[in-house]
N, C-alpha and C. Protein backbone atom coordinates (compact mmCIF):
# COMPACT_ATOMS: atom_id res chain seq x y z
N MET A 1 -33.70 -49.11 71.74
CA MET A 1 -35.10 -49.51 72.15
C MET A 1 -36.02 -50.10 71.09
N PHE A 2 -36.10 -49.60 69.94
CA PHE A 2 -36.83 -50.18 68.79
C PHE A 2 -36.00 -50.55 67.69
N PHE A 3 -34.65 -51.05 68.01
CA PHE A 3 -33.69 -51.42 67.10
C PHE A 3 -34.31 -52.35 65.93
N PRO A 4 -34.87 -53.43 66.27
CA PRO A 4 -35.29 -54.28 65.05
C PRO A 4 -36.19 -53.79 64.23
N THR A 5 -37.09 -52.80 64.62
CA THR A 5 -38.05 -52.26 63.85
C THR A 5 -37.51 -51.17 62.86
N VAL A 6 -36.59 -50.50 63.37
CA VAL A 6 -36.16 -49.29 62.52
C VAL A 6 -34.91 -49.78 61.70
N GLY A 7 -34.38 -50.85 61.82
CA GLY A 7 -33.39 -51.28 60.96
C GLY A 7 -31.80 -50.81 61.40
N GLU A 8 -31.03 -51.57 60.90
CA GLU A 8 -29.64 -51.13 61.32
C GLU A 8 -29.13 -49.96 60.67
N SER A 9 -29.48 -49.70 59.45
CA SER A 9 -28.91 -48.44 58.69
C SER A 9 -29.19 -47.17 59.52
N PHE A 10 -30.39 -47.04 60.08
CA PHE A 10 -30.98 -46.02 60.71
C PHE A 10 -29.73 -45.54 61.87
N TRP A 11 -29.42 -46.55 62.58
CA TRP A 11 -28.41 -46.23 63.62
C TRP A 11 -26.97 -45.98 63.32
N THR A 12 -26.59 -45.98 62.12
CA THR A 12 -25.29 -45.78 61.71
C THR A 12 -24.82 -44.42 62.18
N ALA A 13 -25.55 -43.19 62.05
CA ALA A 13 -25.20 -42.02 62.42
C ALA A 13 -24.87 -41.85 63.86
N PRO A 14 -25.84 -42.48 64.82
CA PRO A 14 -25.46 -42.21 66.15
C PRO A 14 -24.23 -42.91 66.65
N ILE A 15 -23.91 -44.00 65.93
CA ILE A 15 -22.67 -44.80 66.36
C ILE A 15 -21.41 -43.97 65.89
N VAL A 16 -21.58 -43.25 64.59
CA VAL A 16 -20.57 -42.66 64.29
C VAL A 16 -20.19 -41.35 65.09
N LEU A 17 -21.34 -40.88 65.60
CA LEU A 17 -21.23 -39.62 66.51
C LEU A 17 -20.65 -40.12 67.95
N ILE A 18 -20.82 -41.28 68.21
CA ILE A 18 -20.28 -41.64 69.54
C ILE A 18 -18.73 -41.73 69.40
N VAL A 19 -18.29 -42.34 68.20
CA VAL A 19 -16.80 -42.54 67.91
C VAL A 19 -16.30 -41.09 67.86
N ILE A 20 -17.06 -40.26 67.06
CA ILE A 20 -16.36 -38.84 67.03
C ILE A 20 -16.32 -38.09 68.39
N GLY A 21 -17.35 -38.51 69.29
CA GLY A 21 -17.31 -37.91 70.53
C GLY A 21 -15.99 -38.44 71.52
N SER A 22 -15.66 -39.69 71.20
CA SER A 22 -14.52 -40.14 71.83
C SER A 22 -13.26 -39.50 71.17
N ILE A 23 -13.18 -39.35 69.89
CA ILE A 23 -11.95 -38.57 69.35
C ILE A 23 -11.85 -37.20 69.88
N ILE A 24 -13.00 -36.53 69.98
CA ILE A 24 -13.15 -35.07 70.59
C ILE A 24 -12.42 -35.06 72.10
N PHE A 25 -12.76 -36.03 72.70
CA PHE A 25 -12.11 -36.16 73.95
C PHE A 25 -10.62 -36.16 74.06
N VAL A 26 -10.03 -36.97 73.08
CA VAL A 26 -8.72 -36.94 72.90
C VAL A 26 -8.12 -35.55 72.46
N VAL A 27 -8.91 -35.14 71.42
CA VAL A 27 -8.50 -33.83 70.80
C VAL A 27 -8.46 -32.62 72.03
N ALA A 28 -9.46 -32.84 72.87
CA ALA A 28 -9.59 -31.82 73.86
C ALA A 28 -8.50 -31.98 74.79
N CYS A 29 -7.89 -33.14 75.10
CA CYS A 29 -6.73 -33.23 75.91
C CYS A 29 -5.63 -32.35 75.31
N PHE A 30 -5.35 -32.47 74.04
CA PHE A 30 -4.35 -31.64 73.28
C PHE A 30 -4.61 -30.11 73.67
N GLY A 31 -5.83 -29.73 73.70
CA GLY A 31 -6.10 -28.29 73.82
C GLY A 31 -5.80 -27.93 75.31
N CYS A 32 -6.20 -28.77 76.26
CA CYS A 32 -6.13 -28.45 77.74
C CYS A 32 -4.58 -28.52 78.01
N CYS A 33 -3.80 -29.61 77.53
CA CYS A 33 -2.31 -29.56 77.69
C CYS A 33 -1.60 -28.33 77.09
N GLY A 34 -2.13 -28.02 75.88
CA GLY A 34 -1.62 -26.89 75.20
C GLY A 34 -1.57 -25.62 75.87
N ALA A 35 -2.88 -25.41 76.42
CA ALA A 35 -3.16 -24.10 77.11
C ALA A 35 -2.40 -24.17 78.38
N ALA A 36 -2.35 -25.17 79.03
CA ALA A 36 -1.70 -25.17 80.33
C ALA A 36 -0.16 -25.14 80.18
N LYS A 37 0.36 -25.67 79.16
CA LYS A 37 1.93 -25.60 79.07
C LYS A 37 2.19 -24.45 78.19
N GLU A 38 1.30 -23.63 77.59
CA GLU A 38 1.44 -22.64 76.78
C GLU A 38 2.22 -23.08 75.50
N SER A 39 1.89 -24.23 74.96
CA SER A 39 2.60 -24.82 73.79
C SER A 39 1.88 -24.56 72.54
N PRO A 40 2.39 -23.78 71.69
CA PRO A 40 1.85 -23.23 70.46
C PRO A 40 1.60 -24.42 69.55
N CYS A 41 2.40 -25.58 69.52
CA CYS A 41 2.54 -26.68 68.90
C CYS A 41 1.32 -27.58 69.10
N MET A 42 1.02 -27.79 70.38
CA MET A 42 -0.16 -28.48 70.94
C MET A 42 -1.56 -27.59 70.62
N ILE A 43 -1.56 -26.39 70.76
CA ILE A 43 -2.67 -25.60 70.30
C ILE A 43 -3.03 -25.80 68.86
N ILE A 44 -1.98 -25.58 68.13
CA ILE A 44 -2.34 -25.68 66.58
C ILE A 44 -2.80 -27.01 66.26
N THR A 45 -2.24 -28.25 66.90
CA THR A 45 -2.51 -29.53 66.74
C THR A 45 -4.05 -29.68 67.11
N PHE A 46 -4.62 -29.09 68.13
CA PHE A 46 -5.76 -29.14 68.74
C PHE A 46 -6.69 -28.45 67.62
N SER A 47 -6.24 -27.16 67.18
CA SER A 47 -7.03 -26.44 66.25
C SER A 47 -7.35 -27.15 65.08
N ILE A 48 -6.31 -27.80 64.34
CA ILE A 48 -6.31 -28.66 63.27
C ILE A 48 -7.30 -29.93 63.47
N PHE A 49 -7.08 -30.68 64.60
CA PHE A 49 -7.85 -31.82 64.74
C PHE A 49 -9.48 -31.47 64.91
N LEU A 50 -9.64 -30.34 65.80
CA LEU A 50 -10.89 -29.89 65.89
C LEU A 50 -11.59 -29.60 64.68
N GLY A 51 -10.92 -28.87 63.79
CA GLY A 51 -11.39 -28.35 62.50
C GLY A 51 -11.73 -29.48 61.61
N VAL A 52 -10.90 -30.62 61.54
CA VAL A 52 -11.35 -31.89 60.84
C VAL A 52 -12.47 -32.58 61.26
N VAL A 53 -12.54 -32.76 62.78
CA VAL A 53 -13.91 -33.25 63.33
C VAL A 53 -15.07 -32.52 62.84
N PHE A 54 -14.85 -31.06 62.88
CA PHE A 54 -15.97 -30.16 62.54
C PHE A 54 -16.50 -30.61 61.05
N LEU A 55 -15.37 -30.54 60.27
CA LEU A 55 -15.79 -30.99 58.68
C LEU A 55 -16.45 -32.38 58.50
N VAL A 56 -16.03 -33.35 59.35
CA VAL A 56 -16.73 -34.59 59.46
C VAL A 56 -18.00 -34.67 60.05
N GLU A 57 -18.26 -33.86 61.05
CA GLU A 57 -19.72 -33.75 61.52
C GLU A 57 -20.51 -33.09 60.37
N ILE A 58 -20.03 -32.05 59.82
CA ILE A 58 -20.85 -31.59 58.73
C ILE A 58 -21.28 -32.50 57.68
N GLY A 59 -20.33 -33.37 57.40
CA GLY A 59 -20.66 -34.63 56.38
C GLY A 59 -21.53 -35.42 56.87
N ILE A 60 -21.57 -35.77 58.23
CA ILE A 60 -22.43 -36.66 58.89
C ILE A 60 -23.86 -36.12 58.73
N GLY A 61 -23.83 -34.67 59.05
CA GLY A 61 -25.12 -33.97 59.16
C GLY A 61 -25.82 -33.98 57.81
N VAL A 62 -25.04 -33.79 56.78
CA VAL A 62 -25.54 -33.90 55.39
C VAL A 62 -26.14 -35.28 55.04
N ALA A 63 -25.24 -36.36 55.52
CA ALA A 63 -25.78 -37.76 55.25
C ALA A 63 -27.09 -38.01 56.12
N GLY A 64 -27.22 -37.64 57.29
CA GLY A 64 -28.24 -37.74 58.22
C GLY A 64 -29.41 -37.11 57.74
N TYR A 65 -29.46 -35.94 57.08
CA TYR A 65 -30.51 -35.27 56.56
C TYR A 65 -31.05 -36.12 55.22
N TYR A 66 -30.19 -36.55 54.49
CA TYR A 66 -30.70 -37.49 53.18
C TYR A 66 -31.21 -38.79 53.79
N LYS A 67 -30.50 -39.38 54.79
CA LYS A 67 -31.24 -40.48 55.58
C LYS A 67 -32.41 -40.24 56.23
N HIS A 68 -32.82 -39.00 56.71
CA HIS A 68 -33.93 -38.66 57.26
C HIS A 68 -34.93 -38.87 56.12
N GLU A 69 -34.74 -38.46 55.04
CA GLU A 69 -35.73 -38.47 53.87
C GLU A 69 -36.17 -40.08 53.51
N GLN A 70 -35.18 -41.02 54.09
CA GLN A 70 -35.50 -42.46 53.71
C GLN A 70 -36.18 -43.08 55.08
N LEU A 71 -36.50 -42.43 56.05
CA LEU A 71 -36.96 -43.04 57.32
C LEU A 71 -38.07 -43.73 57.03
N SER A 72 -38.95 -43.32 56.25
CA SER A 72 -40.25 -44.26 56.03
C SER A 72 -40.00 -45.62 55.40
N GLY A 73 -39.11 -45.61 54.52
CA GLY A 73 -38.86 -46.67 53.87
C GLY A 73 -38.04 -47.82 54.79
N ILE A 74 -37.23 -47.26 55.64
CA ILE A 74 -36.47 -48.06 56.57
C ILE A 74 -37.34 -48.62 57.71
N LEU A 75 -38.25 -47.83 57.98
CA LEU A 75 -39.31 -48.35 59.12
C LEU A 75 -40.12 -49.40 58.50
N GLU A 76 -40.67 -49.04 57.45
CA GLU A 76 -41.59 -50.15 56.73
C GLU A 76 -40.78 -51.48 56.48
N LYS A 77 -39.71 -51.41 56.03
CA LYS A 77 -38.81 -52.72 55.80
C LYS A 77 -38.68 -53.35 57.01
N GLY A 78 -38.26 -52.62 58.27
CA GLY A 78 -38.13 -53.26 59.57
C GLY A 78 -39.42 -53.75 60.07
N PHE A 79 -40.58 -53.02 60.00
CA PHE A 79 -41.75 -53.59 60.36
C PHE A 79 -42.21 -54.79 59.75
N ASN A 80 -42.03 -54.97 58.29
CA ASN A 80 -42.65 -56.16 57.67
C ASN A 80 -41.74 -57.38 58.05
N LYS A 81 -40.23 -57.09 58.13
CA LYS A 81 -39.33 -58.10 58.29
C LYS A 81 -39.58 -58.69 59.64
N THR A 82 -39.90 -57.87 60.67
CA THR A 82 -40.18 -58.36 62.11
C THR A 82 -41.45 -59.05 62.46
N LEU A 83 -42.45 -58.59 61.46
CA LEU A 83 -43.76 -59.13 61.49
C LEU A 83 -43.94 -60.49 61.02
N GLU A 84 -42.99 -60.78 60.01
CA GLU A 84 -42.92 -62.15 59.35
C GLU A 84 -42.31 -62.99 60.31
N SER A 85 -41.25 -62.64 61.03
CA SER A 85 -40.45 -63.45 61.87
C SER A 85 -40.91 -63.54 63.38
N TYR A 86 -42.01 -62.87 63.55
CA TYR A 86 -42.62 -62.58 65.02
C TYR A 86 -42.84 -64.13 65.62
N PRO A 87 -43.42 -65.02 64.87
CA PRO A 87 -43.67 -66.31 65.58
C PRO A 87 -42.60 -66.95 66.18
N ASN A 88 -41.36 -66.92 65.38
CA ASN A 88 -40.27 -67.85 65.84
C ASN A 88 -38.99 -66.94 66.38
N ASP A 89 -39.13 -65.67 66.35
CA ASP A 89 -38.14 -64.85 66.84
C ASP A 89 -38.50 -64.06 68.10
N LYS A 90 -37.61 -64.40 69.13
CA LYS A 90 -37.92 -63.76 70.46
C LYS A 90 -37.66 -62.36 70.42
N GLY A 91 -36.47 -61.98 69.74
CA GLY A 91 -36.28 -60.49 69.72
C GLY A 91 -37.21 -59.82 68.92
N ALA A 92 -37.81 -60.28 67.84
CA ALA A 92 -39.01 -59.59 67.18
C ALA A 92 -40.35 -59.50 68.14
N GLN A 93 -40.48 -60.56 68.94
CA GLN A 93 -41.63 -60.35 69.79
C GLN A 93 -41.39 -59.29 70.83
N GLU A 94 -40.18 -59.26 71.23
CA GLU A 94 -40.00 -58.16 72.45
C GLU A 94 -40.13 -56.81 71.70
N ALA A 95 -39.37 -56.61 70.57
CA ALA A 95 -39.63 -55.45 69.88
C ALA A 95 -40.92 -54.90 69.67
N TRP A 96 -41.75 -55.87 69.03
CA TRP A 96 -43.14 -55.62 68.85
C TRP A 96 -43.91 -55.14 70.13
N ASN A 97 -43.75 -56.09 71.16
CA ASN A 97 -44.47 -55.82 72.46
C ASN A 97 -43.91 -54.40 72.91
N LEU A 98 -42.65 -54.06 72.87
CA LEU A 98 -42.30 -52.91 73.44
C LEU A 98 -42.82 -51.59 72.61
N VAL A 99 -42.89 -51.66 71.31
CA VAL A 99 -43.19 -50.66 70.41
C VAL A 99 -44.75 -50.36 70.66
N GLN A 100 -45.57 -51.68 70.67
CA GLN A 100 -47.07 -51.55 70.79
C GLN A 100 -47.42 -50.97 72.15
N SER A 101 -46.72 -51.41 73.20
CA SER A 101 -47.17 -50.76 74.62
C SER A 101 -46.70 -49.47 74.84
N GLU A 102 -45.54 -49.08 74.23
CA GLU A 102 -45.01 -47.65 74.58
C GLU A 102 -45.68 -46.68 73.70
N MET A 103 -45.90 -46.97 72.50
CA MET A 103 -46.53 -46.02 71.49
C MET A 103 -48.19 -46.27 71.55
N GLN A 104 -48.66 -47.12 72.19
CA GLN A 104 -50.08 -47.44 72.34
C GLN A 104 -50.70 -47.67 70.86
N CYS A 105 -50.22 -48.55 70.15
CA CYS A 105 -50.47 -48.67 68.72
C CYS A 105 -50.66 -50.27 68.58
N CYS A 106 -51.08 -50.73 67.32
CA CYS A 106 -51.29 -52.15 67.14
C CYS A 106 -50.93 -52.51 65.58
N GLY A 107 -49.98 -53.23 65.33
CA GLY A 107 -49.73 -53.83 63.99
C GLY A 107 -49.09 -52.60 63.17
N ILE A 108 -48.66 -52.81 61.97
CA ILE A 108 -48.18 -51.96 60.92
C ILE A 108 -49.03 -50.67 60.82
N ASN A 109 -50.11 -51.04 60.36
CA ASN A 109 -51.19 -50.13 59.95
C ASN A 109 -52.53 -50.23 60.67
N GLY A 110 -52.51 -51.13 61.41
CA GLY A 110 -53.73 -51.44 62.38
C GLY A 110 -53.65 -52.99 62.87
N PRO A 111 -54.67 -53.36 63.79
CA PRO A 111 -54.74 -54.73 64.36
C PRO A 111 -54.94 -55.63 63.19
N GLU A 112 -55.34 -55.47 62.14
CA GLU A 112 -55.59 -56.61 61.02
C GLU A 112 -54.38 -56.94 60.57
N ASP A 113 -53.30 -56.33 60.81
CA ASP A 113 -52.04 -57.00 60.26
C ASP A 113 -51.50 -58.21 60.96
N TRP A 114 -52.19 -58.45 62.09
CA TRP A 114 -51.87 -59.61 62.87
C TRP A 114 -52.66 -60.79 62.31
N GLU A 115 -53.74 -60.70 61.51
CA GLU A 115 -54.52 -61.90 60.94
C GLU A 115 -53.65 -63.12 60.45
N PRO A 116 -52.52 -62.81 59.50
CA PRO A 116 -51.65 -63.77 59.12
C PRO A 116 -50.83 -64.58 60.11
N ILE A 117 -50.68 -63.93 61.31
CA ILE A 117 -49.93 -64.56 62.32
C ILE A 117 -50.73 -65.35 63.07
N TYR A 118 -51.82 -64.68 63.60
CA TYR A 118 -52.71 -65.49 64.56
C TYR A 118 -53.99 -66.27 63.91
N LYS A 119 -54.16 -66.17 62.56
CA LYS A 119 -55.27 -66.70 61.94
C LYS A 119 -56.64 -66.55 62.38
N ASN A 120 -56.81 -65.67 63.34
CA ASN A 120 -58.21 -65.08 63.85
C ASN A 120 -58.36 -63.84 64.20
N ASP A 121 -59.10 -63.32 65.11
CA ASP A 121 -59.29 -61.88 65.43
C ASP A 121 -58.37 -61.59 66.65
N THR A 122 -57.56 -62.65 67.24
CA THR A 122 -56.62 -62.34 68.33
C THR A 122 -55.63 -61.55 67.87
N VAL A 123 -54.97 -60.62 68.85
CA VAL A 123 -53.80 -59.84 68.52
C VAL A 123 -52.91 -59.90 69.89
N PRO A 124 -51.59 -59.48 69.69
CA PRO A 124 -50.71 -59.71 70.98
C PRO A 124 -51.34 -58.70 72.06
N ARG A 125 -51.00 -59.15 73.22
CA ARG A 125 -51.52 -58.52 74.46
C ARG A 125 -51.08 -57.06 74.61
N ALA A 126 -49.95 -56.69 74.06
CA ALA A 126 -49.57 -55.30 73.99
C ALA A 126 -50.43 -54.56 73.18
N CYS A 127 -51.24 -54.87 72.35
CA CYS A 127 -52.21 -54.15 71.61
C CYS A 127 -53.29 -53.59 72.35
N CYS A 128 -53.56 -54.29 73.41
CA CYS A 128 -54.94 -53.81 74.10
C CYS A 128 -54.47 -53.13 75.43
N HIS A 129 -54.66 -51.82 75.46
CA HIS A 129 -54.29 -50.94 76.53
C HIS A 129 -55.38 -50.71 77.46
N ARG A 130 -56.63 -50.94 76.91
CA ARG A 130 -57.84 -50.70 77.85
C ARG A 130 -58.77 -51.84 77.72
N MET A 131 -58.61 -53.04 78.38
CA MET A 131 -59.54 -54.06 78.23
C MET A 131 -60.54 -53.98 79.39
N PRO A 132 -61.67 -54.29 79.01
CA PRO A 132 -62.87 -54.42 79.97
C PRO A 132 -62.48 -55.34 81.14
N VAL A 133 -62.95 -55.17 82.28
CA VAL A 133 -62.79 -56.14 83.46
C VAL A 133 -63.37 -57.46 83.06
N GLY A 134 -62.69 -58.51 83.21
CA GLY A 134 -63.24 -59.89 83.02
C GLY A 134 -62.95 -60.39 81.72
N VAL A 135 -62.29 -59.60 80.71
CA VAL A 135 -61.86 -60.12 79.61
C VAL A 135 -60.43 -60.38 79.54
N ASN A 136 -60.09 -61.68 79.35
CA ASN A 136 -58.77 -62.05 79.21
C ASN A 136 -57.94 -62.28 77.90
N LYS A 137 -58.85 -62.16 76.84
CA LYS A 137 -58.29 -62.53 75.44
C LYS A 137 -58.30 -61.08 74.90
N CYS A 138 -57.11 -60.67 74.22
CA CYS A 138 -56.87 -59.51 73.58
C CYS A 138 -57.21 -59.82 71.92
N THR A 139 -58.39 -59.09 71.56
CA THR A 139 -58.86 -59.31 70.24
C THR A 139 -58.86 -57.88 69.58
N ARG A 140 -59.23 -57.99 68.38
CA ARG A 140 -59.05 -56.80 67.53
C ARG A 140 -60.21 -55.63 68.17
N GLU A 141 -61.22 -56.22 68.72
CA GLU A 141 -62.23 -55.43 69.15
C GLU A 141 -61.74 -54.50 70.35
N TYR A 142 -60.88 -55.02 71.10
CA TYR A 142 -60.20 -54.08 72.30
C TYR A 142 -58.97 -53.39 71.82
N ALA A 143 -58.35 -53.94 70.87
CA ALA A 143 -57.04 -53.24 70.53
C ALA A 143 -56.97 -51.92 70.01
N SER A 144 -55.94 -51.38 70.21
CA SER A 144 -55.77 -49.88 69.60
C SER A 144 -55.91 -50.00 68.09
N THR A 145 -56.53 -48.98 67.58
CA THR A 145 -56.95 -48.96 66.07
C THR A 145 -55.73 -48.28 65.34
N GLU A 146 -55.02 -47.62 65.90
CA GLU A 146 -53.87 -47.01 65.16
C GLU A 146 -52.70 -47.81 64.97
N GLY A 147 -52.15 -47.72 63.81
CA GLY A 147 -50.86 -48.64 63.55
C GLY A 147 -49.70 -47.86 64.11
N CYS A 148 -48.67 -48.83 64.18
CA CYS A 148 -47.52 -48.35 64.96
C CYS A 148 -46.63 -47.67 63.75
N PHE A 149 -46.68 -47.86 62.60
CA PHE A 149 -45.94 -47.25 61.51
C PHE A 149 -45.85 -45.81 61.61
N SER A 150 -47.10 -45.20 61.41
CA SER A 150 -47.46 -43.71 61.53
C SER A 150 -46.92 -43.23 62.82
N LYS A 151 -47.30 -43.79 64.01
CA LYS A 151 -46.97 -43.35 65.32
C LYS A 151 -45.49 -43.15 65.42
N LEU A 152 -44.63 -44.32 65.18
CA LEU A 152 -43.13 -44.30 65.26
C LEU A 152 -42.51 -43.49 64.34
N SER A 153 -43.00 -43.44 63.19
CA SER A 153 -42.50 -42.50 62.27
C SER A 153 -42.59 -41.07 62.56
N ASN A 154 -43.82 -40.42 63.11
CA ASN A 154 -43.88 -39.32 63.58
C ASN A 154 -43.05 -39.05 64.75
N PHE A 155 -42.89 -40.03 65.62
CA PHE A 155 -41.94 -39.82 66.88
C PHE A 155 -40.46 -39.66 66.51
N LEU A 156 -40.08 -40.70 65.67
CA LEU A 156 -38.69 -40.49 65.27
C LEU A 156 -38.33 -39.19 64.28
N GLY A 157 -39.25 -38.96 63.62
CA GLY A 157 -39.19 -37.69 62.72
C GLY A 157 -39.06 -36.41 63.74
N SER A 158 -39.73 -36.29 64.78
CA SER A 158 -39.75 -35.16 65.73
C SER A 158 -38.42 -35.23 66.45
N LYS A 159 -37.96 -36.47 66.86
CA LYS A 159 -36.74 -36.55 67.63
C LYS A 159 -35.48 -36.12 66.70
N SER A 160 -35.51 -36.51 65.41
CA SER A 160 -34.35 -36.33 64.58
C SER A 160 -34.28 -34.89 64.25
N LEU A 161 -35.28 -33.96 64.16
CA LEU A 161 -35.24 -32.70 64.14
C LEU A 161 -34.53 -32.07 65.46
N ILE A 162 -34.88 -32.54 66.57
CA ILE A 162 -34.40 -32.08 67.76
C ILE A 162 -32.95 -32.28 67.73
N LEU A 163 -32.51 -33.52 67.36
CA LEU A 163 -31.01 -33.94 67.31
C LEU A 163 -30.13 -33.01 66.22
N ALA A 164 -30.94 -32.66 65.22
CA ALA A 164 -30.16 -31.78 64.05
C ALA A 164 -30.10 -30.51 64.67
N GLY A 165 -30.91 -29.94 65.49
CA GLY A 165 -30.81 -28.70 66.19
C GLY A 165 -29.77 -28.74 67.23
N ILE A 166 -29.37 -29.85 67.95
CA ILE A 166 -28.45 -30.01 68.70
C ILE A 166 -27.13 -30.02 68.13
N GLY A 167 -27.16 -30.76 66.97
CA GLY A 167 -25.85 -31.06 66.19
C GLY A 167 -25.47 -29.65 65.83
N ILE A 168 -26.27 -28.81 65.15
CA ILE A 168 -26.04 -27.47 64.63
C ILE A 168 -25.39 -26.58 65.81
N GLY A 169 -26.01 -26.64 67.04
CA GLY A 169 -25.46 -25.93 68.07
C GLY A 169 -24.20 -26.31 68.51
N LEU A 170 -23.89 -27.62 68.57
CA LEU A 170 -22.48 -28.16 68.83
C LEU A 170 -21.59 -27.77 67.82
N ALA A 171 -21.84 -27.78 66.46
CA ALA A 171 -21.03 -27.37 65.52
C ALA A 171 -20.55 -25.81 65.57
N ILE A 172 -21.60 -25.05 65.92
CA ILE A 172 -21.25 -23.69 66.10
C ILE A 172 -20.16 -23.57 67.43
N VAL A 173 -20.39 -24.01 68.44
CA VAL A 173 -19.54 -24.19 69.69
C VAL A 173 -18.30 -24.61 69.19
N GLN A 174 -17.95 -25.59 68.37
CA GLN A 174 -16.80 -26.16 67.93
C GLN A 174 -16.04 -25.11 67.01
N LEU A 175 -16.68 -24.61 66.12
CA LEU A 175 -16.12 -23.39 65.30
C LEU A 175 -15.60 -22.24 66.09
N ILE A 176 -16.43 -21.99 67.11
CA ILE A 176 -15.94 -20.79 68.16
C ILE A 176 -14.59 -21.33 68.61
N ALA A 177 -14.66 -22.66 69.18
CA ALA A 177 -13.47 -23.23 69.75
C ALA A 177 -12.25 -23.19 68.83
N VAL A 178 -12.46 -23.48 67.56
CA VAL A 178 -11.28 -23.44 66.56
C VAL A 178 -10.76 -22.07 66.60
N LEU A 179 -11.71 -21.06 66.43
CA LEU A 179 -11.23 -19.55 66.25
C LEU A 179 -10.51 -19.20 67.53
N LEU A 180 -10.96 -19.51 68.71
CA LEU A 180 -10.33 -19.03 69.94
C LEU A 180 -8.97 -19.91 70.04
N ALA A 181 -8.92 -21.02 69.75
CA ALA A 181 -7.72 -21.73 69.62
C ALA A 181 -6.62 -21.05 68.73
N CYS A 182 -7.00 -20.56 67.50
CA CYS A 182 -6.23 -19.92 66.71
C CYS A 182 -5.75 -18.60 67.26
N CYS A 183 -6.48 -17.95 67.97
CA CYS A 183 -6.14 -16.57 68.67
C CYS A 183 -5.12 -16.94 69.68
N LEU A 184 -5.39 -18.12 70.38
CA LEU A 184 -4.49 -18.40 71.66
C LEU A 184 -3.13 -18.78 70.96
N TYR A 185 -3.09 -19.50 69.84
CA TYR A 185 -1.99 -19.91 69.19
C TYR A 185 -1.06 -18.61 68.70
N GLY A 186 -1.85 -17.44 68.16
CA GLY A 186 -1.14 -16.36 67.83
C GLY A 186 -0.53 -15.51 69.03
N SER A 187 -1.31 -15.59 70.04
CA SER A 187 -0.83 -14.93 71.30
C SER A 187 0.36 -15.54 71.74
N PHE A 188 0.44 -17.00 71.79
CA PHE A 188 1.56 -17.68 72.38
C PHE A 188 2.86 -17.33 71.39
N ARG A 189 2.63 -17.53 70.17
CA ARG A 189 3.73 -17.23 69.16
C ARG A 189 4.22 -15.75 69.35
N ARG A 190 3.47 -14.84 69.63
CA ARG A 190 3.92 -13.49 69.75
C ARG A 190 4.66 -13.25 71.18
N GLN A 191 4.25 -14.07 72.19
CA GLN A 191 4.75 -14.03 73.55
C GLN A 191 6.22 -14.61 73.18
N TYR A 192 6.38 -15.80 72.62
CA TYR A 192 7.74 -16.45 72.45
C TYR A 192 8.73 -15.54 71.59
N GLU A 193 8.09 -14.91 70.60
CA GLU A 193 8.87 -14.08 69.71
C GLU A 193 9.44 -12.89 70.45
N THR A 194 8.74 -12.30 71.34
CA THR A 194 9.32 -11.24 72.26
C THR A 194 10.31 -11.66 73.32
N VAL A 195 10.31 -12.75 73.60
CA VAL A 195 11.14 -13.37 74.65
C VAL A 195 12.51 -13.71 74.04
């Protein structure tokens, strides 16, 4: 949604998590087939793969925590880059219009950030959320006074903490699944030894 303004490096963790989700699907097939066939080999394979995925997710979580500390720098760099390329880049225009209309903000720190682009007091239409009837030109007078940097930073910061909470919850579920798979493996081994 706000990809050009937040930068590419911020989205590395979600892409890696999607890949890990796909790997977990394959690993889950080992678990399902192992349980259905009562195969100790498939159950232990499932357990080992799930343990490895758990460790990788812990590593990603630690990296995400440190990346969270760099969020302000990533946002500022993305905002400055897209603001400079705004006049000639359609993607930058769409990103700015989306951010400003959705977050009800204007510019990086305020509407005055648009002065180098427009060379007057005009700002993009997305900055003006409540214009008086009969006024067709969006100027700083009618624009939102709050900058997008602080609003988007707060929004992403709150969502990243929710994402971290969900990640911890899923990691606990995975750890329980590894322990249960090991118990199931032990049960299958004892059953085959008695036969």
